[in-house]
Amino acid sequence: MARYLIGVFIAVLAVAANAATPRTVVLKVDNMTCPTCAVTIDTVLDKIMGVSDSRIDTEAGTVTVTIDEEQVAADTVAAAIANAGFPARVAGG
């Protein structure tokens, strides 16, 4: 039984070691002027696999997302937001 538990523990550690570290990215987004804009962008983000969290600030014109880079690139998230009518780009990039 002890060998089994040690094997399971080692397997769990191996999976955890290979898990991607989430990355937080700030996107500059144009044309966000109202709460409906934020709802539209939030709906887009909900459909993107690899986006685990988002914060939309219409006053600052930013969207902060937490992504798993093994599943989605920051530029892909920006492109999805742009396709919804809100030109977006990675801040500082």
Protein backbone atom coordinates (compact mmCIF):
# COMPACT_ATOMS: atom_id res chain seq x y z
CA MET A 1 0.00 0.00 0.00
CA ALA A 2 2.83 2.39 0.86
CA ARG A 3 4.41 1.85 -2.58
CA TYR A 4 1.09 2.65 -4.23
CA LEU A 5 0.72 5.88 -2.27
CA ILE A 6 4.28 6.91 -3.04
CA GLY A 7 3.67 6.22 -6.73
CA VAL A 8 0.51 8.31 -6.72
CA PHE A 9 2.31 11.13 -4.90
CA ILE A 10 5.16 11.12 -7.43
CA ALA A 11 2.67 11.14 -10.32
CA VAL A 12 0.85 14.12 -8.84
CA LEU A 13 4.12 15.99 -8.39
CA ALA A 14 5.10 15.29 -12.00
CA VAL A 15 1.80 16.65 -13.30
CA ALA A 16 2.05 19.74 -11.09
CA ALA A 17 5.61 20.40 -12.25
CA ASN A 18 4.51 20.34 -15.88
CA ALA A 19 1.48 22.59 -15.38
CA ALA A 20 1.74 25.93 -17.11
CA THR A 21 2.12 29.00 -14.97
CA PRO A 22 -0.67 31.47 -15.69
CA ARG A 23 0.42 34.80 -17.14
CA THR A 24 -1.36 38.09 -16.55
CA VAL A 25 -1.47 40.36 -19.59
CA VAL A 26 -2.77 43.91 -19.92
CA LEU A 27 -4.42 44.79 -23.23
CA LYS A 28 -5.13 48.34 -24.39
CA VAL A 29 -8.60 48.36 -25.91
CA ASP A 30 -10.15 51.19 -27.94
CA ASN A 31 -13.82 52.14 -28.28
CA MET A 32 -14.94 50.89 -24.85
CA THR A 33 -17.39 53.56 -23.80
CA CYS A 34 -20.11 51.89 -21.74
CA PRO A 35 -21.03 48.88 -19.59
CA THR A 36 -22.46 47.12 -22.65
CA CYS A 37 -19.00 47.22 -24.24
CA ALA A 38 -17.63 45.43 -21.18
CA VAL A 39 -20.37 42.79 -21.40
CA THR A 40 -19.56 42.19 -25.07
CA ILE A 41 -15.84 41.80 -24.35
CA ASP A 42 -16.52 39.57 -21.35
CA THR A 43 -18.68 37.32 -23.56
CA VAL A 44 -15.82 37.04 -26.07
CA LEU A 45 -13.32 36.19 -23.34
CA ASP A 46 -15.59 33.52 -21.86
CA LYS A 47 -15.38 31.63 -25.17
CA ILE A 48 -11.58 31.54 -25.32
CA MET A 49 -10.01 28.38 -23.92
CA GLY A 50 -7.01 29.33 -21.82
CA VAL A 51 -8.43 32.58 -20.41
CA SER A 52 -9.03 31.98 -16.71
CA ASP A 53 -9.70 35.48 -15.41
CA SER A 54 -10.39 38.96 -16.74
CA ARG A 55 -10.85 42.48 -15.46
CA ILE A 56 -12.29 45.14 -17.74
CA ASP A 57 -11.69 48.82 -17.00
CA THR A 58 -13.66 50.93 -19.48
CA GLU A 59 -12.36 54.21 -18.02
CA ALA A 60 -8.71 53.22 -18.43
CA GLY A 61 -9.37 51.40 -21.71
CA THR A 62 -7.74 48.22 -20.50
CA VAL A 63 -8.57 44.56 -20.22
CA THR A 64 -6.40 42.50 -17.91
CA VAL A 65 -6.51 38.77 -18.61
CA THR A 66 -4.93 35.75 -17.01
CA ILE A 67 -4.03 33.22 -19.67
CA ASP A 68 -2.49 29.78 -19.98
CA GLU A 69 0.08 30.35 -22.73
CA GLU A 70 0.05 26.66 -23.62
CA GLN A 71 -3.57 27.11 -24.72
CA VAL A 72 -3.74 30.68 -26.04
CA ALA A 73 -1.40 33.56 -26.90
CA ALA A 74 -1.99 37.13 -25.75
CA ASP A 75 -2.11 38.28 -29.39
CA THR A 76 -4.90 35.77 -30.08
CA VAL A 77 -6.93 37.20 -27.20
CA ALA A 78 -6.35 40.73 -28.52
CA ALA A 79 -7.43 39.63 -32.01
CA ALA A 80 -10.66 38.10 -30.65
CA ILE A 81 -11.51 41.36 -28.87
CA ALA A 82 -10.69 43.32 -32.03
CA ASN A 83 -12.97 41.05 -34.07
CA ALA A 84 -15.79 42.06 -31.71
CA GLY A 85 -15.28 45.69 -32.71
CA PHE A 86 -12.82 46.85 -30.08
CA PRO A 87 -9.29 47.29 -31.48
CA ALA A 88 -6.94 45.72 -28.92
CA ARG A 89 -3.22 45.25 -28.49
CA VAL A 90 -0.90 44.01 -25.78
CA ALA A 91 0.08 47.01 -23.66
CA GLY A 92 3.70 47.91 -24.01
CA GLY A 93 4.00 45.77 -27.11
